[in-house]
PDB file of N, CA and C in Angstrom:
ATOM      1  N   MET A   1       0.738  -0.932  -0.206  1.00  0.00           N
ATOM      2  CA  MET A   1      -0.112   0.323   0.027  1.00  0.00           C
ATOM      3  C   MET A   1       0.962   1.364  -0.156  1.00  0.00           C
ATOM      4  N   SER A   2       0.421   2.362  -0.558  1.00  0.00           N
ATOM      5  CA  SER A   2       1.292   3.420  -0.681  1.00  0.00           C
ATOM      6  C   SER A   2       0.836   4.161   0.291  1.00  0.00           C
ATOM      7  N   LYS A   3       1.396   5.338   0.867  1.00  0.00           N
ATOM      8  CA  LYS A   3       1.069   6.457   1.935  1.00  0.00           C
ATOM      9  C   LYS A   3       0.853   7.046   1.433  1.00  0.00           C
ATOM     10  N   PRO A   4      -0.690   8.057   1.986  1.00  0.00           N
ATOM     11  CA  PRO A   4      -0.948   8.838   1.671  1.00  0.00           C
ATOM     12  C   PRO A   4      -0.109  10.008   1.661  1.00  0.00           C
ATOM     13  N   PRO A   5      -0.604  11.129   0.815  1.00  0.00           N
ATOM     14  CA  PRO A   5       0.127  12.411   0.415  1.00  0.00           C
ATOM     15  C   PRO A   5       0.450  13.198   1.601  1.00  0.00           C
ATOM     16  N   PRO A   6       1.775  14.139   2.040  1.00  0.00           N
ATOM     17  CA  PRO A   6       1.331  14.640   2.986  1.00  0.00           C
ATOM     18  C   PRO A   6       0.707  15.936   2.720  1.00  0.00           C
ATOM     19  N   ARG A   7      -0.170  16.318   4.118  1.00  0.00           N
ATOM     20  CA  ARG A   7      -0.777  17.696   3.986  1.00  0.00           C
ATOM     21  C   ARG A   7       0.249  18.699   4.075  1.00  0.00           C
ATOM     22  N   ARG A   8      -0.302  19.579   3.191  1.00  0.00           N
ATOM     23  CA  ARG A   8       0.200  20.809   3.188  1.00  0.00           C
ATOM     24  C   ARG A   8      -0.171  21.722   3.966  1.00  0.00           C
ATOM     25  N   PHE A   9      -1.630  21.702   4.082  1.00  0.00           N
ATOM     26  CA  PHE A   9      -2.160  23.247   4.914  1.00  0.00           C
ATOM     27  C   PHE A   9      -2.762  22.193   6.321  1.00  0.00           C
ATOM     28  N   ALA A  10      -3.061  23.206   7.428  1.00  0.00           N
ATOM     29  CA  ALA A  10      -3.280  22.897   8.577  1.00  0.00           C
ATOM     30  C   ALA A  10      -3.995  24.078   9.016  1.00  0.00           C
ATOM     31  N   VAL A  11      -5.230  23.965   9.628  1.00  0.00           N
ATOM     32  CA  VAL A  11      -6.599  24.547  10.175  1.00  0.00           C
ATOM     33  C   VAL A  11      -6.018  25.123  11.549  1.00  0.00           C
ATOM     34  N   ILE A  12      -5.379  26.713  11.819  1.00  0.00           N
ATOM     35  CA  ILE A  12      -5.351  26.435  13.437  1.00  0.00           C
ATOM     36  C   ILE A  12      -5.718  28.109  13.913  1.00  0.00           C
ATOM     37  N   ASP A  13      -6.574  28.113  15.127  1.00  0.00           N
ATOM     38  CA  ASP A  13      -7.235  28.521  15.743  1.00  0.00           C
ATOM     39  C   ASP A  13      -6.428  29.959  15.852  1.00  0.00           C
ATOM     40  N   GLY A  14      -6.753  30.764  15.128  1.00  0.00           N
ATOM     41  CA  GLY A  14      -6.599  32.015  15.287  1.00  0.00           C
ATOM     42  C   GLY A  14      -7.096  33.065  15.968  1.00  0.00           C
ATOM     43  N   THR A  15      -6.530  34.441  16.242  1.00  0.00           N
ATOM     44  CA  THR A  15      -7.382  35.397  16.998  1.00  0.00           C
ATOM     45  C   THR A  15      -8.167  36.097  16.562  1.00  0.00           C
ATOM     46  N   PRO A  16      -9.194  36.205  17.219  1.00  0.00           N
ATOM     47  CA  PRO A  16     -10.589  37.070  16.862  1.00  0.00           C
ATOM     48  C   PRO A  16     -10.354  38.430  16.326  1.00  0.00           C
ATOM     49  N   ALA A  17     -11.055  38.666  15.247  1.00  0.00           N
ATOM     50  CA  ALA A  17     -11.306  39.988  14.822  1.00  0.00           C
ATOM     51  C   ALA A  17     -10.951  41.557  15.600  1.00  0.00           C
ATOM     52  N   PRO A  18     -10.401  41.997  15.401  1.00  0.00           N
ATOM     53  CA  PRO A  18     -10.443  43.319  16.714  1.00  0.00           C
ATOM     54  C   PRO A  18     -11.751  43.890  16.550  1.00  0.00           C
ATOM     55  N   GLU A  19     -12.183  44.877  17.506  1.00  0.00           N
ATOM     56  CA  GLU A  19     -13.567  45.120  17.553  1.00  0.00           C
ATOM     57  C   GLU A  19     -13.678  46.031  17.191  1.00  0.00           C
ATOM     58  N   THR A  20     -14.693  46.766  16.277  1.00  0.00           N
ATOM     59  CA  THR A  20     -14.624  48.311  15.539  1.00  0.00           C
ATOM     60  C   THR A  20     -15.238  49.112  16.680  1.00  0.00           C
ATOM     61  N   PRO A  21     -15.036  50.397  16.803  1.00  0.00           N
ATOM     62  CA  PRO A  21     -15.715  51.035  17.363  1.00  0.00           C
ATOM     63  C   PRO A  21     -17.500  51.301  17.481  1.00  0.00           C
ATOM     64  N   VAL A  22     -18.042  50.843  16.677  1.00  0.00           N
ATOM     65  CA  VAL A  22     -19.207  50.452  16.471  1.00  0.00           C
ATOM     66  C   VAL A  22     -19.547  49.289  17.418  1.00  0.00           C
ATOM     67  N   GLU A  23     -19.173  48.485  17.305  1.00  0.00           N
ATOM     68  CA  GLU A  23     -19.342  47.283  17.972  1.00  0.00           C
ATOM     69  C   GLU A  23     -18.991  47.362  19.282  1.00  0.00           C
ATOM     70  N   GLY A  24     -18.016  48.143  19.542  1.00  0.00           N
ATOM     71  CA  GLY A  24     -17.497  48.583  21.337  1.00  0.00           C
ATOM     72  C   GLY A  24     -19.039  49.352  21.746  1.00  0.00           C
ATOM     73  N   THR A  25     -19.111  50.284  21.085  1.00  0.00           N
ATOM     74  CA  THR A  25     -19.842  51.247  21.516  1.00  0.00           C
ATOM     75  C   THR A  25     -21.323  50.290  21.948  1.00  0.00           C
ATOM     76  N   LEU A  26     -21.941  49.674  20.637  1.00  0.00           N
ATOM     77  CA  LEU A  26     -23.419  48.804  20.857  1.00  0.00           C
ATOM     78  C   LEU A  26     -22.667  47.389  22.172  1.00  0.00           C
ATOM     79  N   LYS A  27     -21.842  47.312  22.666  1.00  0.00           N
ATOM     80  CA  LYS A  27     -21.890  46.609  23.777  1.00  0.00           C
ATOM     81  C   LYS A  27     -21.877  47.054  25.288  1.00  0.00           C
ATOM     82  N   ARG A  28     -21.280  48.371  25.147  1.00  0.00           N
ATOM     83  CA  ARG A  28     -21.165  49.075  26.254  1.00  0.00           C
ATOM     84  C   ARG A  28     -23.303  49.660  26.742  1.00  0.00           C
ATOM     85  N   LEU A  29     -23.753  49.838  25.283  1.00  0.00           N
ATOM     86  CA  LEU A  29     -25.006  50.554  25.812  1.00  0.00           C
ATOM     87  C   LEU A  29     -25.682  49.290  25.982  1.00  0.00           C
ATOM     88  N   ARG A  30     -26.149  48.140  25.385  1.00  0.00           N
ATOM     89  CA  ARG A  30     -26.167  46.600  26.020  1.00  0.00           C
ATOM     90  C   ARG A  30     -26.333  46.496  27.621  1.00  0.00           C
ATOM     91  N   LYS A  31     -24.657  46.903  27.961  1.00  0.00           N
ATOM     92  CA  LYS A  31     -24.653  46.396  29.160  1.00  0.00           C
ATOM     93  C   LYS A  31     -25.370  47.461  30.081  1.00  0.00           C
ATOM     94  N   GLN A  32     -25.325  48.722  29.595  1.00  0.00           N
ATOM     95  CA  GLN A  32     -25.224  49.561  31.286  1.00  0.00           C
ATOM     96  C   GLN A  32     -27.198  49.380  31.334  1.00  0.00           C
ATOM     97  N   PRO A  33     -28.141  49.986  32.810  1.00  0.00           N
ATOM     98  CA  PRO A  33     -28.780  49.340  33.064  1.00  0.00           C
ATOM     99  C   PRO A  33     -30.146  50.277  32.611  1.00  0.00           C
ATOM    100  N   ARG A  34     -31.136  49.671  32.175  1.00  0.00           N
ATOM    101  CA  ARG A  34     -31.643  50.800  31.710  1.00  0.00           C
ATOM    102  C   ARG A  34     -33.331  50.783  32.617  1.00  0.00           C
ATOM    103  N   PRO A  35     -33.822  52.685  32.314  1.00  0.00           N
ATOM    104  CA  PRO A  35     -35.261  52.568  33.032  1.00  0.00           C
ATOM    105  C   PRO A  35     -35.990  51.737  32.802  1.00  0.00           C
ATOM    106  N   PRO A  36     -37.233  50.940  33.446  1.00  0.00           N
ATOM    107  CA  PRO A  36     -37.667  49.809  32.985  1.00  0.00           C
ATOM    108  C   PRO A  36     -39.040  50.526  31.663  1.00  0.00           C
ATOM    109  N   SER A  37     -39.101  52.154  31.796  1.00  0.00           N
ATOM    110  CA  SER A  37     -40.085  52.457  31.239  1.00  0.00           C
ATOM    111  C   SER A  37     -39.797  52.703  30.139  1.00  0.00           C
ATOM    112  N   LEU A  38     -38.443  52.735  29.480  1.00  0.00           N
ATOM    113  CA  LEU A  38     -37.679  52.760  27.987  1.00  0.00           C
ATOM    114  C   LEU A  38     -37.726  51.733  27.140  1.00  0.00           C
ATOM    115  N   VAL A  39     -38.212  52.141  26.202  1.00  0.00           N
ATOM    116  CA  VAL A  39     -38.260  50.773  24.889  1.00  0.00           C
ATOM    117  C   VAL A  39     -37.167  50.860  24.658  1.00  0.00           C
ATOM    118  N   ARG A  40     -36.537  49.981  24.291  1.00  0.00           N
ATOM    119  CA  ARG A  40     -35.245  50.444  23.046  1.00  0.00           C
ATOM    120  C   ARG A  40     -35.292  48.664  22.277  1.00  0.00           C
ATOM    121  N   CYS A  41     -34.796  49.411  21.136  1.00  0.00           N
ATOM    122  CA  CYS A  41     -34.587  47.892  20.059  1.00  0.00           C
ATOM    123  C   CYS A  41     -34.147  47.091  20.613  1.00  0.00           C
ATOM    124  N   PRO A  42     -33.550  45.844  20.588  1.00  0.00           N
ATOM    125  CA  PRO A  42     -32.770  44.632  20.759  1.00  0.00           C
ATOM    126  C   PRO A  42     -31.638  44.345  19.746  1.00  0.00           C
ATOM    127  N   HIS A  43     -32.237  45.004  18.591  1.00  0.00           N
ATOM    128  CA  HIS A  43     -30.884  44.598  17.867  1.00  0.00           C
ATOM    129  C   HIS A  43     -30.139  45.781  17.784  1.00  0.00           C
ATOM    130  N   CYS A  44     -30.320  47.303  17.600  1.00  0.00           N
ATOM    131  CA  CYS A  44     -29.594  48.606  17.415  1.00  0.00           C
ATOM    132  C   CYS A  44     -29.661  48.932  18.641  1.00  0.00           C
ATOM    133  N   THR A  45     -30.625  48.934  19.448  1.00  0.00           N
ATOM    134  CA  THR A  45     -30.214  49.812  21.164  1.00  0.00           C
ATOM    135  C   THR A  45     -31.094  50.924  20.725  1.00  0.00           C
ATOM    136  N   SER A  46     -31.563  51.312  19.789  1.00  0.00           N
ATOM    137  CA  SER A  46     -32.199  52.820  19.591  1.00  0.00           C
ATOM    138  C   SER A  46     -33.351  52.890  20.168  1.00  0.00           C
ATOM    139  N   ALA A  47     -33.621  53.930  20.637  1.00  0.00           N
ATOM    140  CA  ALA A  47     -35.074  54.293  21.260  1.00  0.00           C
ATOM    141  C   ALA A  47     -35.604  55.187  20.720  1.00  0.00           C
ATOM    142  N   ALA A  48     -35.362  55.294  19.229  1.00  0.00           N
ATOM    143  CA  ALA A  48     -36.486  55.844  18.599  1.00  0.00           C
ATOM    144  C   ALA A  48     -37.526  54.923  17.923  1.00  0.00           C
ATOM    145  N   VAL A  49     -39.020  55.461  18.150  1.00  0.00           N
ATOM    146  CA  VAL A  49     -39.568  54.676  18.000  1.00  0.00           C
ATOM    147  C   VAL A  49     -40.999  55.409  16.805  1.00  0.00           C
ATOM    148  N   LEU A  50     -40.912  54.299  15.968  1.00  0.00           N
ATOM    149  CA  LEU A  50     -42.291  54.830  15.571  1.00  0.00           C
ATOM    150  C   LEU A  50     -43.804  53.847  15.777  1.00  0.00           C
ATOM    151  N   GLU A  51     -45.119  54.726  15.815  1.00  0.00           N
ATOM    152  CA  GLU A  51     -45.776  53.939  16.273  1.00  0.00           C
ATOM    153  C   GLU A  51     -46.779  53.778  14.359  1.00  0.00           C
ATOM    154  N   ILE A  52     -47.058  52.431  14.231  1.00  0.00           N
ATOM    155  CA  ILE A  52     -47.958  52.640  13.299  1.00  0.00           C
ATOM    156  C   ILE A  52     -49.467  51.933  13.903  1.00  0.00           C
ATOM    157  N   LYS A  53     -50.018  51.897  12.775  1.00  0.00           N
ATOM    158  CA  LYS A  53     -51.832  51.210  13.018  1.00  0.00           C
ATOM    159  C   LYS A  53     -51.717  50.803  11.583  1.00  0.00           C
ATOM    160  N   ILE A  54     -52.209  49.100  11.902  1.00  0.00           N
ATOM    161  CA  ILE A  54     -52.546  48.116  10.918  1.00  0.00           C
ATOM    162  C   ILE A  54     -54.120  47.793  10.934  1.00  0.00           C
ATOM    163  N   GLY A  55     -54.811  47.859   9.836  1.00  0.00           N
ATOM    164  CA  GLY A  55     -56.354  47.679   9.705  1.00  0.00           C
ATOM    165  C   GLY A  55     -57.064  48.711   9.805  1.00  0.00           C
ATOM    166  N   VAL A  56     -56.667  49.548   9.759  1.00  0.00           N
ATOM    167  CA  VAL A  56     -57.448  51.092   9.740  1.00  0.00           C
ATOM    168  C   VAL A  56     -58.793  51.080   8.900  1.00  0.00           C
ATOM    169  N   GLU A  57     -59.842  51.076   9.100  1.00  0.00           N
ATOM    170  CA  GLU A  57     -61.165  51.630   8.410  1.00  0.00           C
ATOM    171  C   GLU A  57     -61.410  52.734   8.800  1.00  0.00           C
ATOM    172  N   LEU A  58     -61.947  53.684   7.752  1.00  0.00           N
ATOM    173  CA  LEU A  58     -62.543  55.071   7.213  1.00  0.00           C
ATOM    174  C   LEU A  58     -63.755  54.759   7.639  1.00  0.00           C
ATOM    175  N   ARG A  59     -64.262  55.631   8.400  1.00  0.00           N
ATOM    176  CA  ARG A  59     -65.876  55.142   8.950  1.00  0.00           C
ATOM    177  C   ARG A  59     -66.150  56.989   8.853  1.00  0.00           C
ATOM    178  N   ASN A  60     -67.089  57.642   8.277  1.00  0.00           N
ATOM    179  CA  ASN A  60     -67.547  58.951   7.696  1.00  0.00           C
ATOM    180  C   ASN A  60     -66.301  59.632   7.672  1.00  0.00           C
ATOM    181  N   GLY A  61     -65.635  59.350   7.105  1.00  0.00           N
ATOM    182  CA  GLY A  61     -64.248  59.895   6.550  1.00  0.00           C
ATOM    183  C   GLY A  61     -62.917  60.125   7.649  1.00  0.00           C
ATOM    184  N   LYS A  62     -63.426  59.492   8.597  1.00  0.00           N
ATOM    185  CA  LYS A  62     -62.293  59.257   9.851  1.00  0.00           C
ATOM    186  C   LYS A  62     -62.144  58.146  10.185  1.00  0.00           C
ATOM    187  N   PRO A  63     -60.751  57.929  10.564  1.00  0.00           N
ATOM    188  CA  PRO A  63     -60.012  56.752  10.531  1.00  0.00           C
ATOM    189  C   PRO A  63     -60.687  56.159  12.010  1.00  0.00           C
ATOM    190  N   ARG A  64     -60.580  54.354  11.759  1.00  0.00           N
ATOM    191  CA  ARG A  64     -61.175  54.014  12.780  1.00  0.00           C
ATOM    192  C   ARG A  64     -60.641  53.127  13.265  1.00  0.00           C
ATOM    193  N   GLY A  65     -60.207  52.396  14.374  1.00  0.00           N
ATOM    194  CA  GLY A  65     -59.880  50.844  14.575  1.00  0.00           C
ATOM    195  C   GLY A  65     -58.683  50.778  14.457  1.00  0.00           C
ATOM    196  N   GLY A  66     -58.011  49.724  14.305  1.00  0.00           N
ATOM    197  CA  GLY A  66     -57.013  49.001  13.972  1.00  0.00           C
ATOM    198  C   GLY A  66     -55.880  48.706  15.173  1.00  0.00           C
ATOM    199  N   GLN A  67     -54.676  48.263  14.904  1.00  0.00           N
ATOM    200  CA  GLN A  67     -54.587  47.842  15.886  1.00  0.00           C
ATOM    201  C   GLN A  67     -52.893  48.737  15.799  1.00  0.00           C
ATOM    202  N   LYS A  68     -52.071  49.011  17.031  1.00  0.00           N
ATOM    203  CA  LYS A  68     -51.053  49.594  17.257  1.00  0.00           C
ATOM    204  C   LYS A  68     -50.071  48.911  17.358  1.00  0.00           C
ATOM    205  N   GLN A  69     -48.909  49.261  16.693  1.00  0.00           N
ATOM    206  CA  GLN A  69     -47.552  48.594  16.877  1.00  0.00           C
ATOM    207  C   GLN A  69     -46.632  49.564  17.027  1.00  0.00           C
ATOM    208  N   LEU A  70     -45.636  49.149  17.690  1.00  0.00           N
ATOM    209  CA  LEU A  70     -44.477  50.024  17.983  1.00  0.00           C
ATOM    210  C   LEU A  70     -42.837  49.491  17.172  1.00  0.00           C
ATOM    211  N   ILE A  71     -42.396  50.148  16.457  1.00  0.00           N
ATOM    212  CA  ILE A  71     -41.312  49.426  15.630  1.00  0.00           C
ATOM    213  C   ILE A  71     -40.242  50.683  15.656  1.00  0.00           C
ATOM    214  N   CYS A  72     -39.073  49.808  15.726  1.00  0.00           N
ATOM    215  CA  CYS A  72     -37.927  50.796  15.424  1.00  0.00           C
ATOM    216  C   CYS A  72     -38.008  51.966  14.390  1.00  0.00           C
ATOM    217  N   ALA A  73     -37.502  52.702  14.763  1.00  0.00           N
ATOM    218  CA  ALA A  73     -37.344  53.630  13.465  1.00  0.00           C
ATOM    219  C   ALA A  73     -35.727  53.548  12.462  1.00  0.00           C
ATOM    220  N   PRO A  74     -34.263  53.381  13.354  1.00  0.00           N
ATOM    221  CA  PRO A  74     -33.594  53.264  12.323  1.00  0.00           C
ATOM    222  C   PRO A  74     -33.947  51.991  11.517  1.00  0.00           C
ATOM    223  N   CYS A  75     -34.301  50.720  12.305  1.00  0.00           N
ATOM    224  CA  CYS A  75     -34.178  49.781  11.734  1.00  0.00           C
ATOM    225  C   CYS A  75     -35.170  49.352  10.455  1.00  0.00           C
ATOM    226  N   PHE A  76     -36.082  50.717  10.624  1.00  0.00           N
ATOM    227  CA  PHE A  76     -37.250  50.689   9.410  1.00  0.00           C
ATOM    228  C   PHE A  76     -36.668  51.459   8.534  1.00  0.00           C
ATOM    229  N   ALA A  77     -35.900  52.753   8.581  1.00  0.00           N
ATOM    230  CA  ALA A  77     -35.014  53.370   7.828  1.00  0.00           C
ATOM    231  C   ALA A  77     -33.851  51.817   6.996  1.00  0.00           C
ATOM    232  N   ARG A  78     -33.477  51.401   7.412  1.00  0.00           N
ATOM    233  CA  ARG A  78     -33.240  50.008   6.866  1.00  0.00           C
ATOM    234  C   ARG A  78     -33.723  48.929   6.131  1.00  0.00           C
ATOM    235  N   GLY A  79     -35.160  49.219   6.048  1.00  0.00           N
ATOM    236  CA  GLY A  79     -35.793  48.520   5.670  1.00  0.00           C
ATOM    237  C   GLY A  79     -36.239  47.323   6.623  1.00  0.00           C
ATOM    238  N   GLU A  80     -36.180  46.727   8.015  1.00  0.00           N
ATOM    239  CA  GLU A  80     -36.222  45.910   8.788  1.00  0.00           C
ATOM    240  C   GLU A  80     -37.497  46.601   9.604  1.00  0.00           C
ATOM    241  N   THR A  81     -38.391  45.647   9.380  1.00  0.00           N
ATOM    242  CA  THR A  81     -39.654  45.449  10.491  1.00  0.00           C
ATOM    243  C   THR A  81     -39.462  45.277  11.582  1.00  0.00           C
ATOM    244  N   ARG A  82     -38.550  45.676  12.901  1.00  0.00           N
ATOM    245  CA  ARG A  82     -38.434  45.313  14.249  1.00  0.00           C
ATOM    246  C   ARG A  82     -39.843  45.599  15.042  1.00  0.00           C
ATOM    247  N   ILE A  83     -40.583  45.005  15.243  1.00  0.00           N
ATOM    248  CA  ILE A  83     -41.840  45.330  16.033  1.00  0.00           C
ATOM    249  C   ILE A  83     -41.078  44.966  17.519  1.00  0.00           C
ATOM    250  N   LEU A  84     -41.973  46.118  18.509  1.00  0.00           N
ATOM    251  CA  LEU A  84     -40.943  46.297  19.971  1.00  0.00           C
ATOM    252  C   LEU A  84     -42.241  46.141  20.048  1.00  0.00           C
ATOM    253  N   TYR A  85     -41.908  46.220  22.266  1.00  0.00           N
ATOM    254  CA  TYR A  85     -43.108  45.584  23.044  1.00  0.00           C
ATOM    255  C   TYR A  85     -43.939  46.465  23.028  1.00  0.00           C
TER     256      TYR A  85
END
């Protein structure tokens, strides 16, 4: 039987990529204690919120009914819809 060819490349454990300033800021914001009444986006930690209504009907020319939702404004500007609590 013949020997298998020698390995030329091997996978090694490298060092993690350096942290960018934005990632460092987001980590710091996530660790900060928040007041219980402040709504923040769990994805981007922003406190900017849009209130939208779904299923609104027009009765006598006025909007009636519908379900209110709070969504994150910066995520919405990027095209993502993140529904907040």
